[in-house]
Protein backbone atom coordinates (compact mmCIF):
# COMPACT_ATOMS: atom_id res chain seq x y z
CA UNK A 1 59.05 -82.77 247.62
CA UNK A 2 59.79 -79.90 245.23
CA UNK A 3 56.33 -78.32 245.09
CA UNK A 4 54.35 -76.19 247.51
CA UNK A 5 50.62 -75.96 248.06
CA UNK A 6 49.22 -72.41 248.04
CA UNK A 7 45.52 -71.98 248.76
CA UNK A 8 44.86 -75.48 247.50
CA UNK A 9 46.91 -75.10 244.28
CA UNK A 10 49.99 -77.30 243.91
CA UNK A 11 52.77 -75.08 242.57
CA UNK A 12 56.13 -76.10 241.10
CA UNK A 13 58.76 -73.37 240.79
CA UNK A 14 58.40 -69.74 241.87
CA UNK A 15 54.70 -68.79 241.94
CA UNK A 16 53.55 -66.10 239.52
CA UNK A 17 50.83 -64.10 241.32
CA UNK A 18 48.71 -63.54 238.20
CA UNK A 19 48.80 -67.20 237.15
CA UNK A 20 48.12 -68.32 240.73
CA UNK A 21 45.07 -66.06 240.85
CA UNK A 22 43.81 -67.56 237.58
CA UNK A 23 44.35 -71.08 238.91
CA UNK A 24 42.36 -70.19 242.04
CA UNK A 25 39.51 -68.86 239.89
CA UNK A 26 39.49 -72.10 237.90
CA UNK A 27 39.57 -74.14 241.12
CA UNK A 28 36.52 -72.30 242.47
CA UNK A 29 34.34 -73.19 239.47
CA UNK A 30 32.91 -76.58 238.61
CA UNK A 31 33.75 -80.07 239.83
CA UNK A 32 37.46 -79.52 240.44
CA UNK A 33 39.49 -82.29 242.06
CA UNK A 34 42.86 -80.51 241.95
CA UNK A 35 44.49 -77.41 240.45
CA UNK A 36 48.21 -77.39 239.64
CA UNK A 37 50.83 -75.05 238.18
CA UNK A 38 53.95 -76.36 236.48
CA UNK A 39 57.25 -74.50 236.89
CA UNK A 40 56.95 -72.74 233.51
CA UNK A 41 53.56 -71.24 234.38
CA UNK A 42 52.44 -67.72 233.48
CA UNK A 43 49.15 -65.97 232.79
CA UNK A 44 46.97 -67.19 229.93
CA UNK A 45 43.36 -66.74 228.94
CA UNK A 46 41.14 -68.06 231.77
CA UNK A 47 43.34 -71.08 232.60
CA UNK A 48 47.01 -70.16 233.00
CA UNK A 49 49.72 -71.50 230.71
CA UNK A 50 51.45 -74.31 232.57
CA UNK A 51 48.17 -74.90 234.40
CA UNK A 52 46.57 -78.29 234.97
CA UNK A 53 42.96 -78.68 236.10
CA UNK A 54 41.62 -82.07 237.14
CA UNK A 55 37.82 -82.36 236.83
CA UNK A 56 35.19 -84.88 237.83
CA UNK A 57 32.89 -85.36 234.84
CA UNK A 58 33.54 -81.98 233.23
CA UNK A 59 35.64 -80.59 230.38
CA UNK A 60 36.75 -77.00 229.77
CA UNK A 61 36.99 -75.64 226.19
CA UNK A 62 38.55 -72.45 227.55
CA UNK A 63 41.04 -74.56 229.51
CA UNK A 64 42.14 -76.54 226.46
CA UNK A 65 42.31 -73.19 224.68
CA UNK A 66 42.23 -72.05 221.09
CA UNK A 67 45.17 -74.09 219.80
CA UNK A 68 43.68 -77.52 220.45
CA UNK A 69 46.31 -80.24 220.32
CA UNK A 70 49.28 -77.90 220.25
CA UNK A 71 52.34 -80.01 220.89
CA UNK A 72 55.63 -81.32 219.62
CA UNK A 73 57.03 -84.07 217.48
CA UNK A 74 60.74 -84.84 217.74
CA UNK A 75 62.71 -87.45 215.82
CA UNK A 76 66.28 -88.64 215.99
CA UNK A 77 67.76 -88.99 212.52
CA UNK A 78 70.50 -91.24 211.18
CA UNK A 79 72.72 -88.21 210.56
CA UNK A 80 75.54 -86.90 212.74
CA UNK A 81 76.78 -83.36 213.24
CA UNK A 82 79.58 -83.81 210.70
CA UNK A 83 76.96 -84.74 208.07
CA UNK A 84 74.86 -81.62 208.54
CA UNK A 85 77.03 -78.75 209.78
CA UNK A 86 78.67 -77.97 206.40
CA UNK A 87 75.22 -77.59 204.82
CA UNK A 88 73.07 -76.33 207.70
CA UNK A 89 72.56 -72.92 206.07
CA UNK A 90 71.28 -74.52 202.85
CA UNK A 91 69.08 -76.94 204.81
CA UNK A 92 67.45 -74.10 206.76
CA UNK A 93 66.87 -72.20 203.51
CA UNK A 94 65.08 -75.24 202.09
CA UNK A 95 62.96 -75.66 205.22
CA UNK A 96 61.93 -72.00 205.08
CA UNK A 97 61.14 -72.36 201.37
CA UNK A 98 59.15 -75.61 201.49
CA UNK A 99 57.33 -75.46 204.84
CA UNK A 100 54.54 -72.88 205.14
CA UNK A 101 54.89 -70.57 208.16
CA UNK A 102 52.45 -67.82 209.14
CA UNK A 103 48.82 -67.31 210.08
CA UNK A 104 46.17 -68.14 207.49
CA UNK A 105 48.66 -69.80 205.17
CA UNK A 106 47.61 -72.73 203.04
CA UNK A 107 49.77 -75.51 201.71
CA UNK A 108 50.94 -75.12 198.12
CA UNK A 109 50.42 -78.87 197.73
CA UNK A 110 47.06 -80.28 198.84
CA UNK A 111 47.71 -82.94 201.47
CA UNK A 112 45.22 -85.80 201.40
CA UNK A 113 44.76 -87.79 204.59
CA UNK A 114 42.49 -90.53 205.94
CA UNK A 115 41.59 -88.06 208.71
CA UNK A 116 39.13 -86.39 206.35
CA UNK A 117 37.06 -89.59 206.36
CA UNK A 118 37.00 -89.71 210.18
CA UNK A 119 33.50 -90.41 211.58
CA UNK A 120 33.86 -87.56 214.08
CA UNK A 121 33.29 -85.05 211.28
CA UNK A 122 29.65 -85.94 212.00
CA UNK A 123 29.91 -83.60 215.00
CA UNK A 124 30.27 -80.62 212.67
CA UNK A 125 27.51 -81.92 210.39
CA UNK A 126 25.25 -82.02 213.45
CA UNK A 127 26.02 -78.35 214.10
CA UNK A 128 25.16 -77.47 210.50
CA UNK A 129 26.15 -78.09 206.88
CA UNK A 130 27.74 -74.64 206.48
CA UNK A 131 29.85 -75.15 209.60
CA UNK A 132 30.92 -78.64 208.53
CA UNK A 133 31.86 -77.62 205.00
CA UNK A 134 33.69 -74.45 206.04
CA UNK A 135 35.82 -76.10 208.71
CA UNK A 136 36.59 -79.19 206.65
CA UNK A 137 37.71 -77.02 203.73
CA UNK A 138 39.92 -74.94 206.02
CA UNK A 139 41.40 -78.08 207.56
CA UNK A 140 42.25 -79.49 204.11
CA UNK A 141 43.92 -76.24 203.05
CA UNK A 142 46.05 -75.84 206.17
CA UNK A 143 47.13 -79.41 206.93
CA UNK A 144 50.92 -79.41 207.18
CA UNK A 145 51.32 -75.65 207.75
CA UNK A 146 53.06 -74.45 210.90
CA UNK A 147 51.58 -71.05 211.78
CA UNK A 148 53.21 -68.20 213.68
CA UNK A 149 53.85 -67.11 217.27
CA UNK A 150 56.14 -69.56 219.06
CA UNK A 151 55.62 -72.33 216.50
CA UNK A 152 58.78 -73.70 214.93
CA UNK A 153 60.75 -76.28 213.01
CA UNK A 154 64.18 -76.82 214.61
CA UNK A 155 67.28 -78.88 213.90
CA UNK A 156 69.38 -80.04 216.87
CA UNK A 157 72.55 -81.91 217.69
CA UNK A 158 72.62 -84.15 220.75
CA UNK A 159 75.94 -83.17 222.27
CA UNK A 160 76.43 -86.51 224.06
CA UNK A 161 76.25 -88.52 220.82
CA UNK A 162 76.59 -86.03 217.96
CA UNK A 163 73.32 -87.29 216.45
CA UNK A 164 71.02 -84.90 214.61
CA UNK A 165 67.41 -84.43 215.73
CA UNK A 166 64.46 -82.57 214.20
CA UNK A 167 61.52 -81.17 216.17
CA UNK A 168 58.46 -79.08 215.48
CA UNK A 169 55.89 -77.23 217.57
CA UNK A 170 52.37 -76.33 216.46
CA UNK A 171 48.77 -77.46 216.79
CA UNK A 172 45.49 -77.67 214.92
CA UNK A 173 45.83 -74.33 213.14
CA UNK A 174 42.74 -72.38 212.01
CA UNK A 175 40.59 -75.52 212.18
CA UNK A 176 41.28 -75.91 215.90
CA UNK A 177 40.85 -72.19 216.54
CA UNK A 178 37.43 -72.13 214.89
CA UNK A 179 36.45 -75.33 216.68
CA UNK A 180 37.33 -73.78 220.04
CA UNK A 181 35.61 -70.47 219.36
CA UNK A 182 32.58 -72.31 217.92
CA UNK A 183 32.02 -74.42 221.02
CA UNK A 184 32.63 -71.44 223.31
CA UNK A 185 29.90 -69.70 221.30
CA UNK A 186 27.53 -72.66 221.62
CA UNK A 187 28.17 -72.86 225.37
CA UNK A 188 27.09 -69.21 225.64
CA UNK A 189 23.99 -69.70 223.48
CA UNK A 190 25.44 -68.04 220.38
CA UNK A 191 25.78 -69.30 216.81
CA UNK A 192 28.78 -71.57 216.17
CA UNK A 193 30.26 -69.25 213.54
CA UNK A 194 29.13 -66.08 215.31
CA UNK A 195 31.55 -63.38 216.36
CA UNK A 196 32.54 -64.03 219.95
CA UNK A 197 32.51 -61.03 222.30
CA UNK A 198 35.77 -59.69 223.69
CA UNK A 199 37.19 -61.76 226.52
CA UNK A 200 39.37 -60.86 229.46
CA UNK A 201 42.26 -62.93 230.76
CA UNK A 202 40.84 -63.49 234.24
CA UNK A 203 37.37 -64.68 233.33
CA UNK A 204 36.09 -67.93 234.88
CA UNK A 205 36.46 -71.14 232.87
CA UNK A 206 33.80 -72.34 230.45
CA UNK A 207 32.73 -75.81 231.59
CA UNK A 208 30.70 -78.54 229.92
CA UNK A 209 29.38 -81.69 231.57
CA UNK A 210 30.77 -84.75 229.82
CA UNK A 211 27.35 -86.38 230.13
CA UNK A 212 25.69 -83.56 228.17
CA UNK A 213 25.20 -83.57 224.40
CA UNK A 214 27.33 -80.44 224.00
CA UNK A 215 30.08 -81.83 226.24
CA UNK A 216 30.23 -85.06 224.24
CA UNK A 217 30.26 -83.12 220.96
CA UNK A 218 33.11 -80.90 222.14
CA UNK A 219 35.12 -83.88 223.37
CA UNK A 220 34.77 -85.62 220.00
CA UNK A 221 35.62 -82.41 218.10
CA UNK A 222 38.65 -81.83 220.34
CA UNK A 223 39.90 -85.35 219.68
CA UNK A 224 39.50 -84.82 215.93
CA UNK A 225 41.46 -81.56 216.17
CA UNK A 226 44.11 -83.43 218.16
CA UNK A 227 44.43 -86.07 215.45
CA UNK A 228 44.64 -83.27 212.90
CA UNK A 229 47.52 -81.69 214.85
CA UNK A 230 49.31 -85.05 214.93
CA UNK A 231 48.84 -85.45 211.17
CA UNK A 232 50.22 -81.97 210.52
CA UNK A 233 53.30 -82.54 212.64
CA UNK A 234 53.86 -85.93 210.98
CA UNK A 235 53.71 -84.31 207.54
CA UNK A 236 56.17 -81.52 208.41
CA UNK A 237 58.69 -83.93 209.93
CA UNK A 238 58.54 -86.12 206.81
CA UNK A 239 59.15 -83.07 204.63
CA UNK A 240 62.21 -82.05 206.66
CA UNK A 241 63.59 -85.59 206.66
CA UNK A 242 63.27 -85.52 202.87
CA UNK A 243 65.08 -82.19 202.65
CA UNK A 244 67.91 -83.57 204.78
CA UNK A 245 68.02 -86.89 202.93
CA UNK A 246 67.67 -89.09 205.99
CA UNK A 247 65.28 -91.22 208.05
CA UNK A 248 64.14 -91.25 211.67
CA UNK A 249 65.09 -94.06 214.05
CA UNK A 250 63.38 -92.75 217.21
CA UNK A 251 60.24 -90.65 217.71
CA UNK A 252 58.61 -88.68 220.53
CA UNK A 253 55.19 -87.10 219.91
CA UNK A 254 52.91 -85.38 222.42
CA UNK A 255 50.21 -82.76 222.89
CA UNK A 256 50.43 -80.15 225.64
CA UNK A 257 47.08 -78.33 225.07
CA UNK A 258 44.42 -80.99 225.47
CA UNK A 259 42.01 -82.80 227.79
CA UNK A 260 42.57 -86.46 228.64
CA UNK A 261 40.36 -89.09 230.23
CA UNK A 262 42.61 -90.57 232.93
CA UNK A 263 42.32 -92.65 236.08
CA UNK A 264 43.97 -91.29 239.22
CA UNK A 265 43.73 -92.95 242.62
CA UNK A 266 41.14 -95.32 241.18
CA UNK A 267 38.93 -92.44 240.07
CA UNK A 268 37.87 -91.45 236.55
CA UNK A 269 38.97 -87.88 235.80
CA UNK A 270 39.29 -85.36 233.00
CA UNK A 271 42.75 -83.76 233.09
CA UNK A 272 42.94 -80.46 231.21
CA UNK A 273 46.55 -79.54 230.51
CA UNK A 274 47.19 -76.10 229.03
CA UNK A 275 50.88 -75.77 228.29
CA UNK A 276 51.73 -78.90 230.30
CA UNK A 277 53.25 -82.18 229.10
CA UNK A 278 51.87 -85.58 230.17
CA UNK A 279 54.50 -87.49 232.17
CA UNK A 280 53.14 -90.89 233.20
CA UNK A 281 55.85 -93.32 234.36
CA UNK A 282 57.95 -94.29 231.35
CA UNK A 283 56.17 -91.81 229.05
CA UNK A 284 58.51 -89.78 226.84
CA UNK A 285 58.00 -86.11 226.05
CA UNK A 286 59.73 -83.27 224.21
CA UNK A 287 60.26 -80.00 226.10
CA UNK A 288 61.54 -77.04 224.11
CA UNK A 289 63.77 -74.25 225.35
CA UNK A 290 64.28 -70.92 223.62
CA UNK A 291 66.13 -70.57 220.31
CA UNK A 292 69.28 -69.87 222.34
CA UNK A 293 68.98 -72.73 224.81
CA UNK A 294 68.78 -76.50 225.00
CA UNK A 295 65.67 -78.60 224.46
CA UNK A 296 65.23 -82.02 226.05
CA UNK A 297 63.56 -85.40 225.78
CA UNK A 298 62.25 -86.44 229.20
CA UNK A 299 60.76 -89.59 230.70
CA UNK A 300 58.18 -89.68 233.48
CA UNK A 301 59.30 -91.12 236.82
CA UNK A 302 57.38 -93.59 238.98
CA UNK A 303 57.41 -91.42 242.10
CA UNK A 304 54.98 -90.08 244.68
CA UNK A 305 55.60 -86.55 243.44
CA UNK A 306 54.80 -87.48 239.85
CA UNK A 307 51.53 -88.99 241.09
CA UNK A 308 50.91 -85.77 243.02
CA UNK A 309 51.39 -83.85 239.75
CA UNK A 310 48.71 -85.98 238.08
CA UNK A 311 51.52 -87.09 235.78
CA UNK A 312 52.18 -83.61 234.38
CA UNK A 313 55.29 -81.54 233.76
CA UNK A 314 56.42 -78.38 231.95
CA UNK A 315 56.02 -77.82 228.20
CA UNK A 316 58.81 -75.26 227.80
CA UNK A 317 61.01 -72.78 229.60
CA UNK A 318 58.23 -70.32 230.40
CA UNK A 319 57.89 -66.74 229.26
CA UNK A 320 59.22 -63.98 231.52
CA UNK A 321 58.53 -61.05 229.16
CA UNK A 322 55.31 -60.45 227.25
CA UNK A 323 55.29 -60.22 223.48
CA UNK A 324 54.48 -56.50 223.60
CA UNK A 325 57.22 -55.83 226.17
CA UNK A 326 59.76 -57.60 224.00
CA UNK A 327 58.78 -56.50 220.50
CA UNK A 328 56.72 -53.37 221.12
CA UNK A 329 53.27 -52.48 219.90
CA UNK A 330 52.48 -53.27 216.27
CA UNK A 331 50.95 -50.67 213.95
CA UNK A 332 49.20 -52.93 211.45
CA UNK A 333 48.71 -50.14 208.93
CA UNK A 334 52.42 -49.39 208.65
CA UNK A 335 53.58 -52.91 209.67
CA UNK A 336 56.03 -51.37 212.12
CA UNK A 337 56.59 -51.82 215.85
CA UNK A 338 57.53 -49.30 218.52
CA UNK A 339 58.49 -49.46 222.19
CA UNK A 340 60.04 -52.94 222.34
CA UNK A 341 62.76 -53.75 224.87
CA UNK A 342 64.60 -56.21 222.60
CA UNK A 343 66.07 -55.14 219.28
CA UNK A 344 66.45 -57.31 216.20
CA UNK A 345 70.22 -56.77 216.38
CA UNK A 346 70.35 -58.01 219.98
CA UNK A 347 68.34 -61.11 219.15
CA UNK A 348 70.32 -62.06 216.06
CA UNK A 349 73.65 -61.51 217.82
CA UNK A 350 72.61 -63.73 220.75
CA UNK A 351 71.39 -66.49 218.45
CA UNK A 352 74.47 -66.28 216.23
CA UNK A 353 76.74 -66.49 219.29
CA UNK A 354 74.91 -69.65 220.35
CA UNK A 355 75.67 -71.18 216.94
CA UNK A 356 72.15 -71.17 215.48
CA UNK A 357 71.11 -70.59 211.86
CA UNK A 358 67.92 -68.54 212.24
CA UNK A 359 65.18 -68.09 209.66
CA UNK A 360 62.26 -65.80 210.48
CA UNK A 361 61.20 -65.05 214.11
CA UNK A 362 60.52 -61.77 215.86
CA UNK A 363 62.10 -60.34 218.98
CA UNK A 364 59.07 -61.55 220.98
CA UNK A 365 60.56 -65.04 220.55
CA UNK A 366 64.17 -64.08 221.34
CA UNK A 367 66.16 -65.96 224.00
CA UNK A 368 65.78 -62.96 226.33
CA UNK A 369 62.03 -63.49 226.86
CA UNK A 370 62.26 -67.03 228.29
CA UNK A 371 63.61 -68.63 231.44
CA UNK A 372 66.57 -71.00 231.19
CA UNK A 373 65.22 -74.49 230.67
CA UNK A 374 67.55 -76.20 233.15
CA UNK A 375 66.25 -73.98 235.96
CA UNK A 376 62.67 -74.91 235.13
CA UNK A 377 63.49 -78.62 234.86
CA UNK A 378 65.22 -78.56 238.27
CA UNK A 379 61.83 -77.86 239.86
CA UNK A 380 60.53 -81.10 238.31
CA UNK A 381 63.49 -83.33 239.13
CA UNK A 382 61.19 -85.68 241.07
CA UNK A 383 58.66 -86.04 238.24
CA UNK A 384 60.77 -86.46 235.08
CA UNK A 385 64.31 -87.42 234.12
CA UNK A 386 66.19 -85.95 231.16
CA UNK A 387 67.05 -88.65 228.63
CA UNK A 388 68.44 -86.56 225.75
CA UNK A 389 69.80 -83.00 225.79
CA UNK A 390 69.59 -81.24 222.43
CA UNK A 391 71.41 -78.09 221.27
CA UNK A 392 69.74 -76.15 218.44
CA UNK A 393 71.75 -75.51 215.28
CA UNK A 394 68.85 -74.34 213.09
CA UNK A 395 65.60 -72.54 213.95
CA UNK A 396 62.84 -71.68 211.48
CA UNK A 397 59.74 -69.66 212.43
CA UNK A 398 57.24 -67.26 210.87
CA UNK A 399 58.43 -63.74 210.08
CA UNK A 400 58.60 -60.96 212.65
CA UNK A 401 55.41 -59.15 211.61
CA UNK A 402 53.02 -62.09 211.48
CA UNK A 403 49.83 -61.53 213.47
CA UNK A 404 49.08 -64.44 215.81
CA UNK A 405 45.38 -64.62 216.79
CA UNK A 406 45.65 -68.10 218.30
CA UNK A 407 45.53 -67.31 221.99
CA UNK A 408 47.11 -69.84 224.34
């Protein structure tokens, strides 16, 4: 057994006191069956990142968080390293030029999708015509855009085979953010589009009974936002495959900010994973490292420990330095930062030495602010096995001075 139980919370890896305290707060509210922390855990808003809460008949909009359906899509292409390395710089330039990165960005080309005829848009119509029209318009504008923060489009080489992979990481964009804030408002008796009051990181979770009208509405809206995130990631991968002139022959696609209806030990549950990857036996998942580290494709094991984890594992390497610590405090009037521990020169040198073509990114996403992925995965050796190990050769993210309001 590679986990420990601390005050009722199952913890993989070294416990972070702040995240453990948040998990305890979550466990003390509502119909909680089990609280868990994956090895990449750290503090988040209300529910910690890398935190898993298992509920009986309840769902937590604050637990799912503001970036509903955030996750990854990874595909193996028909290219090999020799096909891409001579032109990787040009490929990354094209990705940066054709894929929209940054907060509030809209796609230059309107992307039509059957999703916009989904019956679950009726949830927003039930809230109000203004709310429905505003969110649907925003969703149309932003479908296929990536956003900022730690969201990316990466190109990899699998060292064991030389095959080229593509992966992305983002969620439901402004549509998901407004959905989350809207239902948090409704849960507190405020208007859906009202301005939410300031929140603090250690506040108790917001809980909705699944049997209630509001709980059912949130669940349906969350699922729609999840399908929207899937559609966006599909679109971006297709664009990058087109840029590279190839096709995919293998795909892995998963959320890691979401709530699932699952059966465990013969019992119906709601599993809220916030920065945690589902890992049922045989299920494949993508786990990203930093821009100067490997990423992996994993497969869930059929073990007692994986059952004990409620079929959950890490979603990344885990942050060890806050954004402000790394990049400093931003003055939005002058668009300059001060007080950061990591310089742009340090970041670019580290990434260059690792053999990565970098486009965009700030020092708050540098390799220095994350744990090493292998160390984190070691703590989950009894829950998942690594199937493919991928080395990044190209990383594309939003620019350094992009504001990221989408709290984890």
